[in-house]
Amino acid sequence: MSKAESGNGPAVSDADLADRARSGDNAAFGQLIRRHQDAIFRFLSHQVSNRADASDIAQETFVALFRSLDRYDTGRPFLAWAFVIARNKARDHHRRRTALRWVGVDDQYDRMASQAPDPEREVADRDELSQVERLIRALPEGLRTPLLLSAMEGMSHEEIGAVMDMSAKAVEVRVYRARKSLKTQLSREG
């Protein structure tokens, strides 16, 4: 454990870790991933319908991050850049699923996935939480992503704007619209 990791010194910044990883330090890249994997997984869990898909997409995201390190601008937050890649991977996943459904083979993949509930899923199955998750997934991607990044990851509107390539004001409007839509749907469904 390094001095920074043990709490005896300043934490190593994401930019420093990325620079070290670009220079071939695989441990630095591993540290970056460990630092942000939970946030990326949470984000992806709300983008797709099941944890197995979220886990697969997270792995694809980590591979893409590694392959694209030379394009990362260390002047910007690493996590915002990682969310952009995760968002793109989730979109790719949805496009593949749509194509598979169109061809008629999507059901085969659903049957292959384990149906055994894990303890986390049992907790998440509470009625109210399940209803909210369903409504969030039903939001258009342009509203869902800013809401999740704001509410779940605590990102500022400016940071979300960097992820989504839009102004902070546009993000603020989308978060407002997403919350209003959820509130309306919840009141309708009781």
C-alpha atoms as a PDB file:
ATOM      1  CA  MET A   1       0.000   0.000   0.000  1.00  0.00           C
ATOM      2  CA  SER A   2       1.391   3.385  -0.955  1.00  0.00           C
ATOM      3  CA  LYS A   3       1.655   6.322   1.380  1.00  0.00           C
ATOM      4  CA  ALA A   4      -1.259   8.034  -0.399  1.00  0.00           C
ATOM      5  CA  GLU A   5      -3.469   4.960  -0.126  1.00  0.00           C
ATOM      6  CA  SER A   6      -2.764   4.460   3.572  1.00  0.00           C
ATOM      7  CA  GLY A   7      -4.050   7.930   4.443  1.00  0.00           C
ATOM      8  CA  ASN A   8      -0.613   9.263   5.470  1.00  0.00           C
ATOM      9  CA  GLY A   9      -0.257  11.601   2.519  1.00  0.00           C
ATOM     10  CA  PRO A  10      -2.202  13.393  -0.167  1.00  0.00           C
ATOM     11  CA  ALA A  11      -4.254  11.170  -2.439  1.00  0.00           C
ATOM     12  CA  VAL A  12      -2.854  10.612  -5.901  1.00  0.00           C
ATOM     13  CA  SER A  13      -5.035  12.442  -8.416  1.00  0.00           C
ATOM     14  CA  ASP A  14      -6.844  10.685 -11.232  1.00  0.00           C
ATOM     15  CA  ALA A  15      -4.781  12.697 -13.712  1.00  0.00           C
ATOM     16  CA  ASP A  16      -1.525  11.470 -12.152  1.00  0.00           C
ATOM     17  CA  LEU A  17      -2.762   7.881 -12.195  1.00  0.00           C
ATOM     18  CA  ALA A  18      -3.824   8.251 -15.842  1.00  0.00           C
ATOM     19  CA  ASP A  19      -0.397   9.640 -16.762  1.00  0.00           C
ATOM     20  CA  ARG A  20       1.298   6.729 -15.009  1.00  0.00           C
ATOM     21  CA  ALA A  21      -1.045   4.248 -16.704  1.00  0.00           C
ATOM     22  CA  ARG A  22      -0.232   5.753 -20.118  1.00  0.00           C
ATOM     23  CA  SER A  23       3.411   5.122 -19.349  1.00  0.00           C
ATOM     24  CA  GLY A  24       2.724   1.420 -18.822  1.00  0.00           C
ATOM     25  CA  ASP A  25       1.956   1.350 -15.094  1.00  0.00           C
ATOM     26  CA  ASN A  26      -0.877  -1.204 -15.001  1.00  0.00           C
ATOM     27  CA  ALA A  27      -1.197  -0.866 -11.226  1.00  0.00           C
ATOM     28  CA  ALA A  28      -2.042   2.832 -11.659  1.00  0.00           C
ATOM     29  CA  PHE A  29      -4.801   1.930 -14.110  1.00  0.00           C
ATOM     30  CA  GLY A  30      -6.070  -0.698 -11.675  1.00  0.00           C
ATOM     31  CA  GLN A  31      -6.201   1.925  -8.948  1.00  0.00           C
ATOM     32  CA  LEU A  32      -8.203   4.241 -11.224  1.00  0.00           C
ATOM     33  CA  ILE A  33     -10.694   1.488 -11.944  1.00  0.00           C
ATOM     34  CA  ARG A  34     -11.030   0.486  -8.275  1.00  0.00           C
ATOM     35  CA  ARG A  35     -11.605   4.130  -7.396  1.00  0.00           C
ATOM     36  CA  HIS A  36     -14.473   4.550  -9.872  1.00  0.00           C
ATOM     37  CA  GLN A  37     -15.898   1.088 -10.612  1.00  0.00           C
ATOM     38  CA  ASP A  38     -18.777   1.367  -8.131  1.00  0.00           C
ATOM     39  CA  ALA A  39     -19.970   4.686  -9.589  1.00  0.00           C
ATOM     40  CA  ILE A  40     -19.754   3.345 -13.141  1.00  0.00           C
ATOM     41  CA  PHE A  41     -21.597   0.154 -12.195  1.00  0.00           C
ATOM     42  CA  ARG A  42     -24.360   2.105 -10.399  1.00  0.00           C
ATOM     43  CA  PHE A  43     -24.761   4.340 -13.441  1.00  0.00           C
ATOM     44  CA  LEU A  44     -24.946   1.368 -15.813  1.00  0.00           C
ATOM     45  CA  SER A  45     -27.341  -0.520 -13.511  1.00  0.00           C
ATOM     46  CA  HIS A  46     -29.868   2.241 -14.116  1.00  0.00           C
ATOM     47  CA  GLN A  47     -29.222   2.290 -17.846  1.00  0.00           C
ATOM     48  CA  VAL A  48     -29.927  -1.399 -18.524  1.00  0.00           C
ATOM     49  CA  SER A  49     -32.484  -3.858 -17.212  1.00  0.00           C
ATOM     50  CA  ASN A  50     -30.321  -6.310 -15.275  1.00  0.00           C
ATOM     51  CA  ARG A  51     -27.165  -6.509 -13.195  1.00  0.00           C
ATOM     52  CA  ALA A  52     -25.482  -9.067 -15.445  1.00  0.00           C
ATOM     53  CA  ASP A  53     -25.748  -6.736 -18.436  1.00  0.00           C
ATOM     54  CA  ALA A  54     -24.546  -3.802 -16.311  1.00  0.00           C
ATOM     55  CA  SER A  55     -21.535  -5.854 -15.222  1.00  0.00           C
ATOM     56  CA  ASP A  56     -20.719  -6.852 -18.812  1.00  0.00           C
ATOM     57  CA  ILE A  57     -21.030  -3.268 -20.026  1.00  0.00           C
ATOM     58  CA  ALA A  58     -18.854  -2.066 -17.139  1.00  0.00           C
ATOM     59  CA  GLN A  59     -16.134  -4.503 -18.248  1.00  0.00           C
ATOM     60  CA  GLU A  60     -16.436  -3.228 -21.831  1.00  0.00           C
ATOM     61  CA  THR A  61     -16.154   0.304 -20.455  1.00  0.00           C
ATOM     62  CA  PHE A  62     -12.965  -0.512 -18.536  1.00  0.00           C
ATOM     63  CA  VAL A  63     -11.389  -2.071 -21.640  1.00  0.00           C
ATOM     64  CA  ALA A  64     -12.351   0.990 -23.700  1.00  0.00           C
ATOM     65  CA  LEU A  65     -10.932   3.302 -21.021  1.00  0.00           C
ATOM     66  CA  PHE A  66      -7.638   1.448 -21.103  1.00  0.00           C
ATOM     67  CA  ARG A  67      -7.461   1.488 -24.902  1.00  0.00           C
ATOM     68  CA  SER A  68      -8.326   5.191 -25.024  1.00  0.00           C
ATOM     69  CA  LEU A  69      -6.046   6.487 -22.271  1.00  0.00           C
ATOM     70  CA  ASP A  70      -3.950   8.379 -24.797  1.00  0.00           C
ATOM     71  CA  ARG A  71      -7.040  10.474 -25.647  1.00  0.00           C
ATOM     72  CA  TYR A  72      -7.900  11.372 -22.048  1.00  0.00           C
ATOM     73  CA  ASP A  73      -7.431  15.088 -21.308  1.00  0.00           C
ATOM     74  CA  THR A  74      -5.973  15.177 -17.774  1.00  0.00           C
ATOM     75  CA  GLY A  75      -7.303  18.720 -17.379  1.00  0.00           C
ATOM     76  CA  ARG A  76     -10.828  17.297 -17.164  1.00  0.00           C
ATOM     77  CA  PRO A  77     -12.311  14.971 -14.528  1.00  0.00           C
ATOM     78  CA  PHE A  78     -11.536  11.306 -15.230  1.00  0.00           C
ATOM     79  CA  LEU A  79     -14.925  10.158 -13.961  1.00  0.00           C
ATOM     80  CA  ALA A  80     -16.773  12.478 -16.362  1.00  0.00           C
ATOM     81  CA  TRP A  81     -14.741  11.011 -19.238  1.00  0.00           C
ATOM     82  CA  ALA A  82     -15.452   7.485 -17.965  1.00  0.00           C
ATOM     83  CA  PHE A  83     -19.183   8.239 -17.825  1.00  0.00           C
ATOM     84  CA  VAL A  84     -19.105   9.353 -21.466  1.00  0.00           C
ATOM     85  CA  ILE A  85     -17.595   6.018 -22.463  1.00  0.00           C
ATOM     86  CA  ALA A  86     -19.997   4.065 -20.209  1.00  0.00           C
ATOM     87  CA  ARG A  87     -22.937   5.941 -21.709  1.00  0.00           C
ATOM     88  CA  ASN A  88     -21.770   5.084 -25.218  1.00  0.00           C
ATOM     89  CA  LYS A  89     -21.323   1.421 -24.273  1.00  0.00           C
ATOM     90  CA  ALA A  90     -24.861   1.358 -22.821  1.00  0.00           C
ATOM     91  CA  ARG A  91     -26.200   2.857 -26.053  1.00  0.00           C
ATOM     92  CA  ASP A  92     -24.341   0.183 -28.039  1.00  0.00           C
ATOM     93  CA  HIS A  93     -25.908  -2.464 -25.795  1.00  0.00           C
ATOM     94  CA  HIS A  94     -29.409  -1.091 -26.409  1.00  0.00           C
ATOM     95  CA  ARG A  95     -28.794  -1.002 -30.175  1.00  0.00           C
ATOM     96  CA  ARG A  96     -27.612  -4.631 -30.146  1.00  0.00           C
ATOM     97  CA  ARG A  97     -30.625  -5.714 -28.086  1.00  0.00           C
ATOM     98  CA  THR A  98     -32.980  -3.897 -30.452  1.00  0.00           C
ATOM     99  CA  ALA A  99     -31.370  -5.589 -33.431  1.00  0.00           C
ATOM    100  CA  LEU A 100     -31.580  -8.997 -31.743  1.00  0.00           C
ATOM    101  CA  ARG A 101     -35.253  -8.440 -30.919  1.00  0.00           C
ATOM    102  CA  TRP A 102     -35.919  -7.439 -34.518  1.00  0.00           C
ATOM    103  CA  VAL A 103     -34.292 -10.635 -35.735  1.00  0.00           C
ATOM    104  CA  GLY A 104     -36.143 -12.631 -33.067  1.00  0.00           C
ATOM    105  CA  VAL A 105     -33.234 -14.105 -31.104  1.00  0.00           C
ATOM    106  CA  ASP A 106     -33.243 -11.819 -28.049  1.00  0.00           C
ATOM    107  CA  ASP A 107     -35.361 -14.247 -25.993  1.00  0.00           C
ATOM    108  CA  GLN A 108     -32.599 -16.861 -26.240  1.00  0.00           C
ATOM    109  CA  TYR A 109     -30.160 -14.534 -24.475  1.00  0.00           C
ATOM    110  CA  ASP A 110     -32.665 -13.739 -21.734  1.00  0.00           C
ATOM    111  CA  ARG A 111     -33.165 -17.448 -21.012  1.00  0.00           C
ATOM    112  CA  MET A 112     -29.401 -18.003 -20.745  1.00  0.00           C
ATOM    113  CA  ALA A 113     -29.015 -15.472 -17.914  1.00  0.00           C
ATOM    114  CA  SER A 114     -29.243 -16.806 -14.394  1.00  0.00           C
ATOM    115  CA  GLN A 115     -32.630 -16.152 -12.844  1.00  0.00           C
ATOM    116  CA  ALA A 116     -31.407 -16.796  -9.280  1.00  0.00           C
ATOM    117  CA  PRO A 117     -31.922 -13.639  -7.222  1.00  0.00           C
ATOM    118  CA  ASP A 118     -28.963 -12.338  -5.274  1.00  0.00           C
ATOM    119  CA  PRO A 119     -29.358 -10.623  -1.876  1.00  0.00           C
ATOM    120  CA  GLU A 120     -28.968  -7.148  -3.376  1.00  0.00           C
ATOM    121  CA  ARG A 121     -31.694  -7.838  -5.902  1.00  0.00           C
ATOM    122  CA  GLU A 122     -34.075  -9.091  -3.187  1.00  0.00           C
ATOM    123  CA  VAL A 123     -33.692  -5.785  -1.355  1.00  0.00           C
ATOM    124  CA  ALA A 124     -34.224  -3.848  -4.600  1.00  0.00           C
ATOM    125  CA  ASP A 125     -37.425  -5.776  -5.281  1.00  0.00           C
ATOM    126  CA  ARG A 126     -39.394  -3.866  -2.712  1.00  0.00           C
ATOM    127  CA  ASP A 127     -42.447  -2.510  -4.470  1.00  0.00           C
ATOM    128  CA  GLU A 128     -41.735   1.196  -4.238  1.00  0.00           C
ATOM    129  CA  LEU A 129     -38.105   0.928  -5.234  1.00  0.00           C
ATOM    130  CA  SER A 130     -38.975  -1.341  -8.147  1.00  0.00           C
ATOM    131  CA  GLN A 131     -41.600   1.118  -9.315  1.00  0.00           C
ATOM    132  CA  VAL A 132     -39.157   4.034  -9.218  1.00  0.00           C
ATOM    133  CA  GLU A 133     -36.469   2.043 -11.023  1.00  0.00           C
ATOM    134  CA  ARG A 134     -38.965   1.087 -13.724  1.00  0.00           C
ATOM    135  CA  LEU A 135     -40.054   4.682 -14.169  1.00  0.00           C
ATOM    136  CA  ILE A 136     -36.452   5.888 -14.340  1.00  0.00           C
ATOM    137  CA  ARG A 137     -35.643   3.317 -17.025  1.00  0.00           C
ATOM    138  CA  ALA A 138     -38.731   4.426 -18.951  1.00  0.00           C
ATOM    139  CA  LEU A 139     -37.469   8.005 -19.108  1.00  0.00           C
ATOM    140  CA  PRO A 140     -35.940   9.028 -22.426  1.00  0.00           C
ATOM    141  CA  GLU A 141     -32.143   8.659 -22.300  1.00  0.00           C
ATOM    142  CA  GLY A 142     -31.724  12.435 -22.579  1.00  0.00           C
ATOM    143  CA  LEU A 143     -33.572  12.879 -19.279  1.00  0.00           C
ATOM    144  CA  ARG A 144     -32.487   9.668 -17.544  1.00  0.00           C
ATOM    145  CA  THR A 145     -28.725  10.211 -17.841  1.00  0.00           C
ATOM    146  CA  PRO A 146     -28.591  13.727 -16.333  1.00  0.00           C
ATOM    147  CA  LEU A 147     -30.963  12.681 -13.532  1.00  0.00           C
ATOM    148  CA  LEU A 148     -28.850   9.654 -12.618  1.00  0.00           C
ATOM    149  CA  LEU A 149     -25.561  11.519 -12.772  1.00  0.00           C
ATOM    150  CA  SER A 150     -26.994  14.284 -10.614  1.00  0.00           C
ATOM    151  CA  ALA A 151     -28.948  12.240  -8.071  1.00  0.00           C
ATOM    152  CA  MET A 152     -26.891   9.057  -7.858  1.00  0.00           C
ATOM    153  CA  GLU A 153     -23.385  10.323  -8.497  1.00  0.00           C
ATOM    154  CA  GLY A 154     -23.711  13.852  -7.109  1.00  0.00           C
ATOM    155  CA  MET A 155     -22.202  15.426 -10.208  1.00  0.00           C
ATOM    156  CA  SER A 156     -22.668  19.149 -10.808  1.00  0.00           C
ATOM    157  CA  HIS A 157     -24.585  20.412 -13.812  1.00  0.00           C
ATOM    158  CA  GLU A 158     -21.284  21.567 -15.308  1.00  0.00           C
ATOM    159  CA  GLU A 159     -19.766  18.093 -14.957  1.00  0.00           C
ATOM    160  CA  ILE A 160     -22.849  16.466 -16.442  1.00  0.00           C
ATOM    161  CA  GLY A 161     -22.718  18.992 -19.277  1.00  0.00           C
ATOM    162  CA  ALA A 162     -19.177  17.825 -20.016  1.00  0.00           C
ATOM    163  CA  VAL A 163     -20.373  14.212 -20.138  1.00  0.00           C
ATOM    164  CA  MET A 164     -23.341  15.004 -22.359  1.00  0.00           C
ATOM    165  CA  ASP A 165     -21.775  17.783 -24.423  1.00  0.00           C
ATOM    166  CA  MET A 166     -24.309  20.451 -23.453  1.00  0.00           C
ATOM    167  CA  SER A 167     -24.533  23.543 -21.303  1.00  0.00           C
ATOM    168  CA  ALA A 168     -25.053  23.417 -17.556  1.00  0.00           C
ATOM    169  CA  LYS A 169     -28.376  25.240 -18.028  1.00  0.00           C
ATOM    170  CA  ALA A 170     -29.568  22.571 -20.476  1.00  0.00           C
ATOM    171  CA  VAL A 171     -28.629  19.913 -17.903  1.00  0.00           C
ATOM    172  CA  GLU A 172     -30.534  21.791 -15.197  1.00  0.00           C
ATOM    173  CA  VAL A 173     -33.654  21.883 -17.399  1.00  0.00           C
ATOM    174  CA  ARG A 174     -33.373  18.160 -18.189  1.00  0.00           C
ATOM    175  CA  VAL A 175     -32.953  17.207 -14.523  1.00  0.00           C
ATOM    176  CA  TYR A 176     -36.004  19.337 -13.673  1.00  0.00           C
ATOM    177  CA  ARG A 177     -38.068  17.717 -16.444  1.00  0.00           C
ATOM    178  CA  ALA A 178     -36.985  14.209 -15.386  1.00  0.00           C
ATOM    179  CA  ARG A 179     -37.960  14.837 -11.759  1.00  0.00           C
ATOM    180  CA  LYS A 180     -41.275  16.381 -12.783  1.00  0.00           C
ATOM    181  CA  SER A 181     -42.034  13.400 -15.035  1.00  0.00           C
ATOM    182  CA  LEU A 182     -41.211  10.915 -12.258  1.00  0.00           C
ATOM    183  CA  LYS A 183     -43.367  12.809  -9.755  1.00  0.00           C
ATOM    184  CA  THR A 184     -46.301  12.873 -12.197  1.00  0.00           C
ATOM    185  CA  GLN A 185     -45.998   9.156 -12.965  1.00  0.00           C
ATOM    186  CA  LEU A 186     -45.696   8.218  -9.287  1.00  0.00           C
ATOM    187  CA  SER A 187     -48.800  10.208  -8.403  1.00  0.00           C
ATOM    188  CA  ARG A 188     -50.733   8.562 -11.270  1.00  0.00           C
ATOM    189  CA  GLU A 189     -49.718   5.055 -10.261  1.00  0.00           C
ATOM    190  CA  GLY A 190     -50.299   5.775  -6.584  1.00  0.00           C
END
